[in-house]
Amino acid sequence: MNHYQLAESLMKNINQVFVGKDEVVENLLISFLAGGHVLLEDVPGVGKTTLALALAKSMACSFGRIQFTPDTLPGDVTGLSIYNMKSGEFTYQAGAVMNQVLLADEINRTSPKTQASLLEAMAEGQVTVDGIIHPLPQPFFVIATQNPVEFLGTYPLPEAQMDRFMMRLSIGYPERTHEIRMASQFLQGQTLSRVEAVCQTEDIIAMRKEVSNISVKESILGYIADLVESTREEPCFVLGASPRAMLALVCASQAKAFLQNRDYVKPDDVKAVAMQVLGHRLSLSSEAKIRKEDKDKILKSLILKIRIPV
């Protein structure tokens, strides 16, 4: 079985328990294979935890979950040094971040200081505790969730931290037929406990390497640069896409091409992931907010305006 077939098998395995959201699963896998992280923004009860756990189980990866609350401390995330009375030395006690797949649940319910404790882990694959660097297990993937309809007792993520997520995804409610199927599977005992691994850690690392080797021609890079530049020139946006956003779009496009069983990126790959990669990185100006402009509609119009390379 080649890596493309393995990725297909992985998606099918997740879709067995996470019913009716094939596009969400594909985008999650795109972010994972591209070495990024995902922000799931949706109402409670739509399966955010189920999706994260199904992904980890399907790849035989270690899974950690931390429920963020206002009193969660940075040490709960990164770990801390504890004095050992027998040895007379400080020993590192690992935090929740020392897992290959980390679910940061309701990340906007904790303080900015605790939110920031994830930045080094997400950007560099390591944490620093008391001046000592601790590498994280590889592959490392953060799935953060937040509830968009509750504002009491929340700390909205700043733009700099939103920029660290490769994609922002929304699951949404399932269709009626899928919801009935989900209930039927639940009654039959087809739950997460029955999910089996279809690949191992070394397979994921090999797939990530193959994704990074997907060819991206100069014309495609120019197309991506034009798209990113258009967000900076759009008067409705006070904050356009960053250089990090451009790199994320390149990597996500490579992963999309890989899942299409191609070794090169097409403009269609870029267009397929552009909304998920760029949308959460843009901020409307005050005037645009007063006019009640739709950020997604503006971004879609920019994507359609950019000339596609031959």
C-alpha atoms as a PDB file:
ATOM      1  CA  MET A   1       0.000   0.000   0.000  1.00  0.00           C
ATOM      2  CA  ASN A   2       1.475   3.342  -1.074  1.00  0.00           C
ATOM      3  CA  HIS A   3       1.182   6.539   0.976  1.00  0.00           C
ATOM      4  CA  TYR A   4      -1.772   7.899  -1.015  1.00  0.00           C
ATOM      5  CA  GLN A   5      -3.746   4.702  -0.404  1.00  0.00           C
ATOM      6  CA  LEU A   6      -2.758   4.854   3.257  1.00  0.00           C
ATOM      7  CA  ALA A   7      -4.106   8.407   3.525  1.00  0.00           C
ATOM      8  CA  GLU A   8      -7.366   7.318   1.872  1.00  0.00           C
ATOM      9  CA  SER A   9      -7.649   4.441   4.319  1.00  0.00           C
ATOM     10  CA  LEU A  10      -7.048   6.866   7.177  1.00  0.00           C
ATOM     11  CA  MET A  11      -9.866   9.177   6.051  1.00  0.00           C
ATOM     12  CA  LYS A  12     -12.287   6.268   5.606  1.00  0.00           C
ATOM     13  CA  ASN A  13     -11.441   4.982   9.072  1.00  0.00           C
ATOM     14  CA  ILE A  14     -12.220   8.357  10.666  1.00  0.00           C
ATOM     15  CA  ASN A  15     -15.415   8.756   8.629  1.00  0.00           C
ATOM     16  CA  GLN A  16     -16.736   5.504  10.068  1.00  0.00           C
ATOM     17  CA  VAL A  17     -17.292   7.175  13.440  1.00  0.00           C
ATOM     18  CA  PHE A  18     -17.380  10.827  12.371  1.00  0.00           C
ATOM     19  CA  VAL A  19     -20.324  10.605  10.003  1.00  0.00           C
ATOM     20  CA  GLY A  20     -21.226  12.956   7.161  1.00  0.00           C
ATOM     21  CA  LYS A  21     -18.356  15.449   7.356  1.00  0.00           C
ATOM     22  CA  ASP A  22     -15.912  14.193   4.731  1.00  0.00           C
ATOM     23  CA  GLU A  23     -14.677  17.693   3.837  1.00  0.00           C
ATOM     24  CA  VAL A  24     -13.902  18.535   7.462  1.00  0.00           C
ATOM     25  CA  VAL A  25     -11.962  15.286   7.873  1.00  0.00           C
ATOM     26  CA  GLU A  26     -10.019  15.960   4.669  1.00  0.00           C
ATOM     27  CA  ASN A  27      -9.090  19.494   5.763  1.00  0.00           C
ATOM     28  CA  LEU A  28      -8.041  18.209   9.185  1.00  0.00           C
ATOM     29  CA  LEU A  29      -5.793  15.657   7.508  1.00  0.00           C
ATOM     30  CA  ILE A  30      -4.419  18.322   5.151  1.00  0.00           C
ATOM     31  CA  SER A  31      -3.342  20.430   8.141  1.00  0.00           C
ATOM     32  CA  PHE A  32      -1.853  17.421   9.878  1.00  0.00           C
ATOM     33  CA  LEU A  33       0.150  16.220   6.873  1.00  0.00           C
ATOM     34  CA  ALA A  34       1.313  19.782   6.152  1.00  0.00           C
ATOM     35  CA  GLY A  35       2.683  20.121   9.688  1.00  0.00           C
ATOM     36  CA  GLY A  36       0.139  22.709  10.810  1.00  0.00           C
ATOM     37  CA  HIS A  37      -2.457  22.983  13.574  1.00  0.00           C
ATOM     38  CA  VAL A  38      -6.233  23.433  13.518  1.00  0.00           C
ATOM     39  CA  LEU A  39      -8.725  25.660  15.310  1.00  0.00           C
ATOM     40  CA  LEU A  40     -12.210  24.116  15.461  1.00  0.00           C
ATOM     41  CA  GLU A  41     -14.755  26.856  16.051  1.00  0.00           C
ATOM     42  CA  ASP A  42     -18.260  25.549  16.576  1.00  0.00           C
ATOM     43  CA  VAL A  43     -21.138  25.102  18.993  1.00  0.00           C
ATOM     44  CA  PRO A  44     -20.977  22.363  21.676  1.00  0.00           C
ATOM     45  CA  GLY A  45     -21.905  18.778  20.896  1.00  0.00           C
ATOM     46  CA  VAL A  46     -21.073  18.551  17.186  1.00  0.00           C
ATOM     47  CA  GLY A  47     -18.214  16.057  17.647  1.00  0.00           C
ATOM     48  CA  LYS A  48     -15.033  18.093  18.024  1.00  0.00           C
ATOM     49  CA  THR A  49     -13.591  15.725  20.646  1.00  0.00           C
ATOM     50  CA  THR A  50     -14.749  12.666  18.685  1.00  0.00           C
ATOM     51  CA  LEU A  51     -12.941  13.923  15.596  1.00  0.00           C
ATOM     52  CA  ALA A  52      -9.677  14.539  17.466  1.00  0.00           C
ATOM     53  CA  LEU A  53      -9.754  11.170  19.239  1.00  0.00           C
ATOM     54  CA  ALA A  54     -10.656   9.286  16.039  1.00  0.00           C
ATOM     55  CA  LEU A  55      -7.653  10.853  14.302  1.00  0.00           C
ATOM     56  CA  ALA A  56      -5.274   9.875  17.116  1.00  0.00           C
ATOM     57  CA  LYS A  57      -6.592   6.309  17.342  1.00  0.00           C
ATOM     58  CA  SER A  58      -6.452   5.805  13.574  1.00  0.00           C
ATOM     59  CA  MET A  59      -2.719   6.624  13.607  1.00  0.00           C
ATOM     60  CA  ALA A  60      -1.789   4.903  16.890  1.00  0.00           C
ATOM     61  CA  CYS A  61      -0.687   8.293  18.240  1.00  0.00           C
ATOM     62  CA  SER A  62      -0.672   9.296  21.890  1.00  0.00           C
ATOM     63  CA  PHE A  63      -3.590  11.579  22.740  1.00  0.00           C
ATOM     64  CA  GLY A  64      -3.771  14.302  25.357  1.00  0.00           C
ATOM     65  CA  ARG A  65      -6.661  16.540  26.290  1.00  0.00           C
ATOM     66  CA  ILE A  66      -6.683  19.639  28.452  1.00  0.00           C
ATOM     67  CA  GLN A  67      -9.911  21.391  29.386  1.00  0.00           C
ATOM     68  CA  PHE A  68      -9.074  25.072  29.607  1.00  0.00           C
ATOM     69  CA  THR A  69     -10.669  27.091  32.416  1.00  0.00           C
ATOM     70  CA  PRO A  70      -9.854  30.541  33.841  1.00  0.00           C
ATOM     71  CA  ASP A  71      -7.652  28.971  36.537  1.00  0.00           C
ATOM     72  CA  THR A  72      -5.624  26.725  34.196  1.00  0.00           C
ATOM     73  CA  LEU A  73      -1.914  27.516  34.573  1.00  0.00           C
ATOM     74  CA  PRO A  74       0.859  27.410  31.930  1.00  0.00           C
ATOM     75  CA  GLY A  75       2.494  24.554  33.865  1.00  0.00           C
ATOM     76  CA  ASP A  76      -0.614  22.432  33.307  1.00  0.00           C
ATOM     77  CA  VAL A  77       0.132  22.670  29.592  1.00  0.00           C
ATOM     78  CA  THR A  78       3.928  22.603  29.349  1.00  0.00           C
ATOM     79  CA  GLY A  79       4.739  20.672  32.525  1.00  0.00           C
ATOM     80  CA  LEU A  80       6.853  21.825  35.434  1.00  0.00           C
ATOM     81  CA  SER A  81       9.910  20.985  37.524  1.00  0.00           C
ATOM     82  CA  ILE A  82       9.223  19.226  40.823  1.00  0.00           C
ATOM     83  CA  TYR A  83      11.775  18.874  43.615  1.00  0.00           C
ATOM     84  CA  ASN A  84      12.662  15.256  44.364  1.00  0.00           C
ATOM     85  CA  MET A  85      13.553  14.989  48.065  1.00  0.00           C
ATOM     86  CA  LYS A  86      15.294  11.628  47.627  1.00  0.00           C
ATOM     87  CA  SER A  87      17.667  12.723  44.883  1.00  0.00           C
ATOM     88  CA  GLY A  88      17.856  16.350  45.930  1.00  0.00           C
ATOM     89  CA  GLU A  89      17.236  17.422  42.329  1.00  0.00           C
ATOM     90  CA  PHE A  90      14.421  18.898  40.282  1.00  0.00           C
ATOM     91  CA  THR A  91      12.771  16.503  37.818  1.00  0.00           C
ATOM     92  CA  TYR A  92      10.577  17.420  34.886  1.00  0.00           C
ATOM     93  CA  GLN A  93       6.922  16.421  35.224  1.00  0.00           C
ATOM     94  CA  ALA A  94       5.433  16.322  31.725  1.00  0.00           C
ATOM     95  CA  GLY A  95       2.333  18.357  30.943  1.00  0.00           C
ATOM     96  CA  ALA A  96      -0.543  17.645  28.574  1.00  0.00           C
ATOM     97  CA  VAL A  97       1.505  18.958  25.647  1.00  0.00           C
ATOM     98  CA  MET A  98       3.742  15.879  25.724  1.00  0.00           C
ATOM     99  CA  ASN A  99       1.429  13.955  23.387  1.00  0.00           C
ATOM    100  CA  GLN A 100       1.397  13.564  19.626  1.00  0.00           C
ATOM    101  CA  VAL A 101      -2.194  14.770  19.281  1.00  0.00           C
ATOM    102  CA  LEU A 102      -3.286  17.435  21.764  1.00  0.00           C
ATOM    103  CA  LEU A 103      -6.884  18.583  22.134  1.00  0.00           C
ATOM    104  CA  ALA A 104      -6.892  22.081  23.658  1.00  0.00           C
ATOM    105  CA  ASP A 105     -10.560  22.250  24.566  1.00  0.00           C
ATOM    106  CA  GLU A 106     -12.230  25.691  24.825  1.00  0.00           C
ATOM    107  CA  ILE A 107      -8.931  27.505  24.457  1.00  0.00           C
ATOM    108  CA  ASN A 108     -10.624  30.902  24.723  1.00  0.00           C
ATOM    109  CA  ARG A 109     -11.784  30.181  28.280  1.00  0.00           C
ATOM    110  CA  THR A 110      -8.302  30.435  29.748  1.00  0.00           C
ATOM    111  CA  SER A 111      -6.108  33.467  30.404  1.00  0.00           C
ATOM    112  CA  PRO A 112      -3.827  34.938  27.697  1.00  0.00           C
ATOM    113  CA  LYS A 113      -0.769  33.790  29.672  1.00  0.00           C
ATOM    114  CA  THR A 114      -1.912  30.164  29.524  1.00  0.00           C
ATOM    115  CA  GLN A 115      -2.930  30.506  25.877  1.00  0.00           C
ATOM    116  CA  ALA A 116       0.580  31.759  25.094  1.00  0.00           C
ATOM    117  CA  SER A 117       2.133  28.665  26.668  1.00  0.00           C
ATOM    118  CA  LEU A 118       1.160  26.767  23.517  1.00  0.00           C
ATOM    119  CA  LEU A 119       2.914  29.125  21.101  1.00  0.00           C
ATOM    120  CA  GLU A 120       6.426  27.665  21.417  1.00  0.00           C
ATOM    121  CA  ALA A 121       5.068  24.123  21.138  1.00  0.00           C
ATOM    122  CA  MET A 122       3.065  24.923  18.001  1.00  0.00           C
ATOM    123  CA  ALA A 123       5.835  26.883  16.267  1.00  0.00           C
ATOM    124  CA  GLU A 124       8.973  24.982  17.251  1.00  0.00           C
ATOM    125  CA  GLY A 125       7.889  21.534  18.438  1.00  0.00           C
ATOM    126  CA  GLN A 126       9.387  22.026  21.898  1.00  0.00           C
ATOM    127  CA  VAL A 127       8.692  23.549  25.311  1.00  0.00           C
ATOM    128  CA  THR A 128      11.102  25.349  27.616  1.00  0.00           C
ATOM    129  CA  VAL A 129      10.673  24.781  31.341  1.00  0.00           C
ATOM    130  CA  ASP A 130      13.066  26.474  33.782  1.00  0.00           C
ATOM    131  CA  GLY A 131      15.484  27.146  30.936  1.00  0.00           C
ATOM    132  CA  ILE A 132      15.598  23.508  29.808  1.00  0.00           C
ATOM    133  CA  ILE A 133      14.291  22.616  26.334  1.00  0.00           C
ATOM    134  CA  HIS A 134      12.093  19.523  26.071  1.00  0.00           C
ATOM    135  CA  PRO A 135      11.413  18.275  22.502  1.00  0.00           C
ATOM    136  CA  LEU A 136       7.846  17.190  21.819  1.00  0.00           C
ATOM    137  CA  PRO A 137       6.960  13.750  20.444  1.00  0.00           C
ATOM    138  CA  GLN A 138       6.638  13.676  16.680  1.00  0.00           C
ATOM    139  CA  PRO A 139       4.402  14.006  14.811  1.00  0.00           C
ATOM    140  CA  PHE A 140       2.875  16.776  16.947  1.00  0.00           C
ATOM    141  CA  PHE A 141      -0.568  18.216  16.204  1.00  0.00           C
ATOM    142  CA  VAL A 142      -2.744  20.667  18.142  1.00  0.00           C
ATOM    143  CA  ILE A 143      -6.512  20.739  17.720  1.00  0.00           C
ATOM    144  CA  ALA A 144      -7.896  23.715  19.630  1.00  0.00           C
ATOM    145  CA  THR A 145     -11.612  24.335  20.053  1.00  0.00           C
ATOM    146  CA  GLN A 146     -13.648  27.364  20.958  1.00  0.00           C
ATOM    147  CA  ASN A 147     -17.349  28.153  21.234  1.00  0.00           C
ATOM    148  CA  PRO A 148     -18.284  31.140  19.036  1.00  0.00           C
ATOM    149  CA  VAL A 149     -21.632  31.902  20.730  1.00  0.00           C
ATOM    150  CA  GLU A 150     -20.518  32.259  24.353  1.00  0.00           C
ATOM    151  CA  PHE A 151     -18.660  35.409  25.344  1.00  0.00           C
ATOM    152  CA  LEU A 152     -19.084  35.529  29.143  1.00  0.00           C
ATOM    153  CA  GLY A 153     -15.840  34.551  30.862  1.00  0.00           C
ATOM    154  CA  THR A 154     -13.860  34.153  27.633  1.00  0.00           C
ATOM    155  CA  TYR A 155     -10.550  35.588  26.435  1.00  0.00           C
ATOM    156  CA  PRO A 156     -10.635  35.984  22.626  1.00  0.00           C
ATOM    157  CA  LEU A 157      -7.505  34.766  20.875  1.00  0.00           C
ATOM    158  CA  PRO A 158      -5.321  37.673  19.666  1.00  0.00           C
ATOM    159  CA  GLU A 159      -4.468  37.958  15.963  1.00  0.00           C
ATOM    160  CA  ALA A 160      -0.889  36.792  16.568  1.00  0.00           C
ATOM    161  CA  GLN A 161      -2.108  33.528  18.060  1.00  0.00           C
ATOM    162  CA  MET A 162      -4.820  33.005  15.437  1.00  0.00           C
ATOM    163  CA  ASP A 163      -2.037  33.272  12.860  1.00  0.00           C
ATOM    164  CA  ARG A 164      -0.349  30.190  14.358  1.00  0.00           C
ATOM    165  CA  PHE A 165      -3.199  27.924  13.269  1.00  0.00           C
ATOM    166  CA  MET A 166      -2.913  26.682   9.701  1.00  0.00           C
ATOM    167  CA  MET A 167      -6.688  26.306   9.349  1.00  0.00           C
ATOM    168  CA  ARG A 168      -9.871  27.289  11.117  1.00  0.00           C
ATOM    169  CA  LEU A 169     -12.646  24.762  10.531  1.00  0.00           C
ATOM    170  CA  SER A 170     -16.315  24.661  11.415  1.00  0.00           C
ATOM    171  CA  ILE A 171     -18.071  21.291  11.659  1.00  0.00           C
ATOM    172  CA  GLY A 172     -21.712  22.391  11.681  1.00  0.00           C
ATOM    173  CA  TYR A 173     -24.784  20.306  12.348  1.00  0.00           C
ATOM    174  CA  PRO A 174     -25.095  17.020  10.420  1.00  0.00           C
ATOM    175  CA  GLU A 175     -27.773  16.406   7.815  1.00  0.00           C
ATOM    176  CA  ARG A 176     -30.844  14.489   8.918  1.00  0.00           C
ATOM    177  CA  THR A 177     -29.845  11.183   7.271  1.00  0.00           C
ATOM    178  CA  HIS A 178     -26.344  11.364   8.740  1.00  0.00           C
ATOM    179  CA  GLU A 179     -27.689  12.162  12.200  1.00  0.00           C
ATOM    180  CA  ILE A 180     -30.021   9.154  12.067  1.00  0.00           C
ATOM    181  CA  ARG A 181     -27.110   6.974  10.925  1.00  0.00           C
ATOM    182  CA  MET A 182     -25.015   8.310  13.788  1.00  0.00           C
ATOM    183  CA  ALA A 183     -27.720   7.406  16.316  1.00  0.00           C
ATOM    184  CA  SER A 184     -28.090   3.946  14.758  1.00  0.00           C
ATOM    185  CA  GLN A 185     -24.348   3.302  15.032  1.00  0.00           C
ATOM    186  CA  PHE A 186     -24.421   4.436  18.652  1.00  0.00           C
ATOM    187  CA  LEU A 187     -27.226   1.959  19.456  1.00  0.00           C
ATOM    188  CA  GLN A 188     -25.226  -0.806  17.764  1.00  0.00           C
ATOM    189  CA  GLY A 189     -22.179  -0.028  19.883  1.00  0.00           C
ATOM    190  CA  GLN A 190     -20.091   1.343  16.996  1.00  0.00           C
ATOM    191  CA  THR A 191     -18.314   3.938  19.105  1.00  0.00           C
ATOM    192  CA  LEU A 192     -14.765   5.304  19.349  1.00  0.00           C
ATOM    193  CA  SER A 193     -13.701   2.254  21.346  1.00  0.00           C
ATOM    194  CA  ARG A 194     -13.954   0.194  18.155  1.00  0.00           C
ATOM    195  CA  VAL A 195     -11.659   2.432  16.091  1.00  0.00           C
ATOM    196  CA  GLU A 196      -8.460   0.608  15.150  1.00  0.00           C
ATOM    197  CA  ALA A 197      -5.180   2.003  13.885  1.00  0.00           C
ATOM    198  CA  VAL A 198      -4.620   1.832  10.135  1.00  0.00           C
ATOM    199  CA  CYS A 199      -1.096   3.283  10.158  1.00  0.00           C
ATOM    200  CA  GLN A 200       1.806   3.918  12.515  1.00  0.00           C
ATOM    201  CA  THR A 201       3.871   6.932  13.508  1.00  0.00           C
ATOM    202  CA  GLU A 202       6.616   6.147  11.002  1.00  0.00           C
ATOM    203  CA  ASP A 203       4.013   6.083   8.194  1.00  0.00           C
ATOM    204  CA  ILE A 204       2.810   9.567   9.132  1.00  0.00           C
ATOM    205  CA  ILE A 205       6.354  10.937   9.221  1.00  0.00           C
ATOM    206  CA  ALA A 206       7.004   9.403   5.783  1.00  0.00           C
ATOM    207  CA  MET A 207       3.777  10.912   4.416  1.00  0.00           C
ATOM    208  CA  ARG A 208       4.719  14.335   5.784  1.00  0.00           C
ATOM    209  CA  LYS A 209       8.069  14.083   4.041  1.00  0.00           C
ATOM    210  CA  GLU A 210       6.386  13.111   0.770  1.00  0.00           C
ATOM    211  CA  VAL A 211       3.987  16.070   1.097  1.00  0.00           C
ATOM    212  CA  SER A 212       6.896  18.474   1.594  1.00  0.00           C
ATOM    213  CA  ASN A 213       8.436  17.188  -1.658  1.00  0.00           C
ATOM    214  CA  ILE A 214       5.318  17.933  -3.756  1.00  0.00           C
ATOM    215  CA  SER A 215       6.383  20.216  -6.629  1.00  0.00           C
ATOM    216  CA  VAL A 216       5.250  23.859  -6.515  1.00  0.00           C
ATOM    217  CA  LYS A 217       6.113  25.768  -9.691  1.00  0.00           C
ATOM    218  CA  GLU A 218       7.176  29.419  -9.727  1.00  0.00           C
ATOM    219  CA  SER A 219       3.893  30.407 -11.406  1.00  0.00           C
ATOM    220  CA  ILE A 220       1.909  28.805  -8.563  1.00  0.00           C
ATOM    221  CA  LEU A 221       4.016  30.631  -5.975  1.00  0.00           C
ATOM    222  CA  GLY A 222       3.294  33.846  -7.864  1.00  0.00           C
ATOM    223  CA  TYR A 223      -0.416  33.044  -7.834  1.00  0.00           C
ATOM    224  CA  ILE A 224      -0.333  32.487  -4.061  1.00  0.00           C
ATOM    225  CA  ALA A 225       1.673  35.700  -3.561  1.00  0.00           C
ATOM    226  CA  ASP A 226      -0.897  37.661  -5.607  1.00  0.00           C
ATOM    227  CA  LEU A 227      -3.711  36.229  -3.498  1.00  0.00           C
ATOM    228  CA  VAL A 228      -1.976  37.086  -0.221  1.00  0.00           C
ATOM    229  CA  GLU A 229      -1.067  40.570  -1.478  1.00  0.00           C
ATOM    230  CA  SER A 230      -4.691  41.240  -2.460  1.00  0.00           C
ATOM    231  CA  THR A 231      -5.786  40.773   1.165  1.00  0.00           C
ATOM    232  CA  ARG A 232      -3.294  43.440   2.254  1.00  0.00           C
ATOM    233  CA  GLU A 233      -4.514  45.901  -0.367  1.00  0.00           C
ATOM    234  CA  GLU A 234      -8.225  45.330   0.277  1.00  0.00           C
ATOM    235  CA  PRO A 235      -9.535  48.497   2.039  1.00  0.00           C
ATOM    236  CA  CYS A 236     -12.125  46.507   4.025  1.00  0.00           C
ATOM    237  CA  PHE A 237      -9.307  44.650   5.817  1.00  0.00           C
ATOM    238  CA  VAL A 238      -7.313  46.458   8.478  1.00  0.00           C
ATOM    239  CA  LEU A 239      -5.102  43.381   8.757  1.00  0.00           C
ATOM    240  CA  GLY A 240      -4.171  41.287   5.722  1.00  0.00           C
ATOM    241  CA  ALA A 241      -2.526  37.871   5.460  1.00  0.00           C
ATOM    242  CA  SER A 242       1.008  37.553   6.858  1.00  0.00           C
ATOM    243  CA  PRO A 243       4.073  35.902   5.294  1.00  0.00           C
ATOM    244  CA  ARG A 244       3.347  32.980   7.640  1.00  0.00           C
ATOM    245  CA  ALA A 245      -0.072  32.749   5.989  1.00  0.00           C
ATOM    246  CA  MET A 246       1.560  32.457   2.572  1.00  0.00           C
ATOM    247  CA  LEU A 247       3.797  29.610   3.758  1.00  0.00           C
ATOM    248  CA  ALA A 248       0.793  27.890   5.331  1.00  0.00           C
ATOM    249  CA  LEU A 249      -1.120  28.200   2.047  1.00  0.00           C
ATOM    250  CA  VAL A 250       1.796  26.674   0.133  1.00  0.00           C
ATOM    251  CA  CYS A 251       2.055  23.723   2.543  1.00  0.00           C
ATOM    252  CA  ALA A 252      -1.712  23.150   2.649  1.00  0.00           C
ATOM    253  CA  SER A 253      -1.828  23.184  -1.168  1.00  0.00           C
ATOM    254  CA  GLN A 254       0.907  20.548  -1.258  1.00  0.00           C
ATOM    255  CA  ALA A 255      -1.083  18.335   1.120  1.00  0.00           C
ATOM    256  CA  LYS A 256      -4.235  18.843  -0.966  1.00  0.00           C
ATOM    257  CA  ALA A 257      -2.333  17.764  -4.109  1.00  0.00           C
ATOM    258  CA  PHE A 258      -1.011  14.716  -2.235  1.00  0.00           C
ATOM    259  CA  LEU A 259      -4.558  13.666  -1.298  1.00  0.00           C
ATOM    260  CA  GLN A 260      -5.467  13.999  -4.979  1.00  0.00           C
ATOM    261  CA  ASN A 261      -2.649  11.554  -5.799  1.00  0.00           C
ATOM    262  CA  ARG A 262      -0.562  14.168  -7.634  1.00  0.00           C
ATOM    263  CA  ASP A 263       3.072  15.146  -7.191  1.00  0.00           C
ATOM    264  CA  TYR A 264       2.540  18.771  -8.208  1.00  0.00           C
ATOM    265  CA  VAL A 265       0.287  21.637  -7.078  1.00  0.00           C
ATOM    266  CA  LYS A 266      -2.442  23.071  -9.337  1.00  0.00           C
ATOM    267  CA  PRO A 267      -4.293  26.387  -8.873  1.00  0.00           C
ATOM    268  CA  ASP A 268      -7.375  24.356  -7.923  1.00  0.00           C
ATOM    269  CA  ASP A 269      -5.489  22.999  -4.899  1.00  0.00           C
ATOM    270  CA  VAL A 270      -4.761  26.538  -3.736  1.00  0.00           C
ATOM    271  CA  LYS A 271      -8.368  27.645  -4.235  1.00  0.00           C
ATOM    272  CA  ALA A 272      -9.658  24.570  -2.366  1.00  0.00           C
ATOM    273  CA  VAL A 273      -7.828  25.451   0.864  1.00  0.00           C
ATOM    274  CA  ALA A 274      -7.549  29.264   0.624  1.00  0.00           C
ATOM    275  CA  MET A 275     -10.706  30.053   2.612  1.00  0.00           C
ATOM    276  CA  GLN A 276      -9.768  27.772   5.505  1.00  0.00           C
ATOM    277  CA  VAL A 277      -6.154  29.003   5.605  1.00  0.00           C
ATOM    278  CA  LEU A 278      -6.688  32.755   5.165  1.00  0.00           C
ATOM    279  CA  GLY A 279     -10.131  33.473   6.604  1.00  0.00           C
ATOM    280  CA  HIS A 280      -9.233  33.586  10.303  1.00  0.00           C
ATOM    281  CA  ARG A 281      -6.117  35.703   9.710  1.00  0.00           C
ATOM    282  CA  LEU A 282      -7.996  38.708   8.324  1.00  0.00           C
ATOM    283  CA  SER A 283      -9.564  41.543  10.334  1.00  0.00           C
ATOM    284  CA  LEU A 284     -12.240  43.919   9.099  1.00  0.00           C
ATOM    285  CA  SER A 285     -11.750  47.673   9.433  1.00  0.00           C
ATOM    286  CA  SER A 286     -14.057  49.669  11.703  1.00  0.00           C
ATOM    287  CA  GLU A 287     -15.855  51.126   8.689  1.00  0.00           C
ATOM    288  CA  ALA A 288     -16.426  47.656   7.238  1.00  0.00           C
ATOM    289  CA  LYS A 289     -17.836  46.440  10.556  1.00  0.00           C
ATOM    290  CA  ILE A 290     -20.239  49.379  10.674  1.00  0.00           C
ATOM    291  CA  ARG A 291     -21.386  48.501   7.142  1.00  0.00           C
ATOM    292  CA  LYS A 292     -21.739  44.883   8.331  1.00  0.00           C
ATOM    293  CA  GLU A 293     -19.509  43.561   5.591  1.00  0.00           C
ATOM    294  CA  ASP A 294     -19.038  39.784   5.365  1.00  0.00           C
ATOM    295  CA  LYS A 295     -15.361  38.870   5.640  1.00  0.00           C
ATOM    296  CA  ASP A 296     -15.800  35.512   3.906  1.00  0.00           C
ATOM    297  CA  LYS A 297     -17.657  37.061   0.963  1.00  0.00           C
ATOM    298  CA  ILE A 298     -14.892  39.625   0.490  1.00  0.00           C
ATOM    299  CA  LEU A 299     -12.226  36.906   0.566  1.00  0.00           C
ATOM    300  CA  LYS A 300     -14.160  34.757  -1.926  1.00  0.00           C
ATOM    301  CA  SER A 301     -14.407  37.706  -4.314  1.00  0.00           C
ATOM    302  CA  LEU A 302     -10.649  38.292  -4.043  1.00  0.00           C
ATOM    303  CA  ILE A 303      -9.955  34.622  -4.825  1.00  0.00           C
ATOM    304  CA  LEU A 304     -12.149  34.872  -7.936  1.00  0.00           C
ATOM    305  CA  LYS A 305     -10.441  38.081  -9.107  1.00  0.00           C
ATOM    306  CA  ILE A 306      -6.855  36.762  -9.027  1.00  0.00           C
ATOM    307  CA  ARG A 307      -5.659  35.683 -12.451  1.00  0.00           C
ATOM    308  CA  ILE A 308      -5.039  31.941 -12.586  1.00  0.00           C
ATOM    309  CA  PRO A 309      -1.653  30.977 -14.126  1.00  0.00           C
ATOM    310  CA  VAL A 310      -1.655  28.827 -17.244  1.00  0.00           C
END
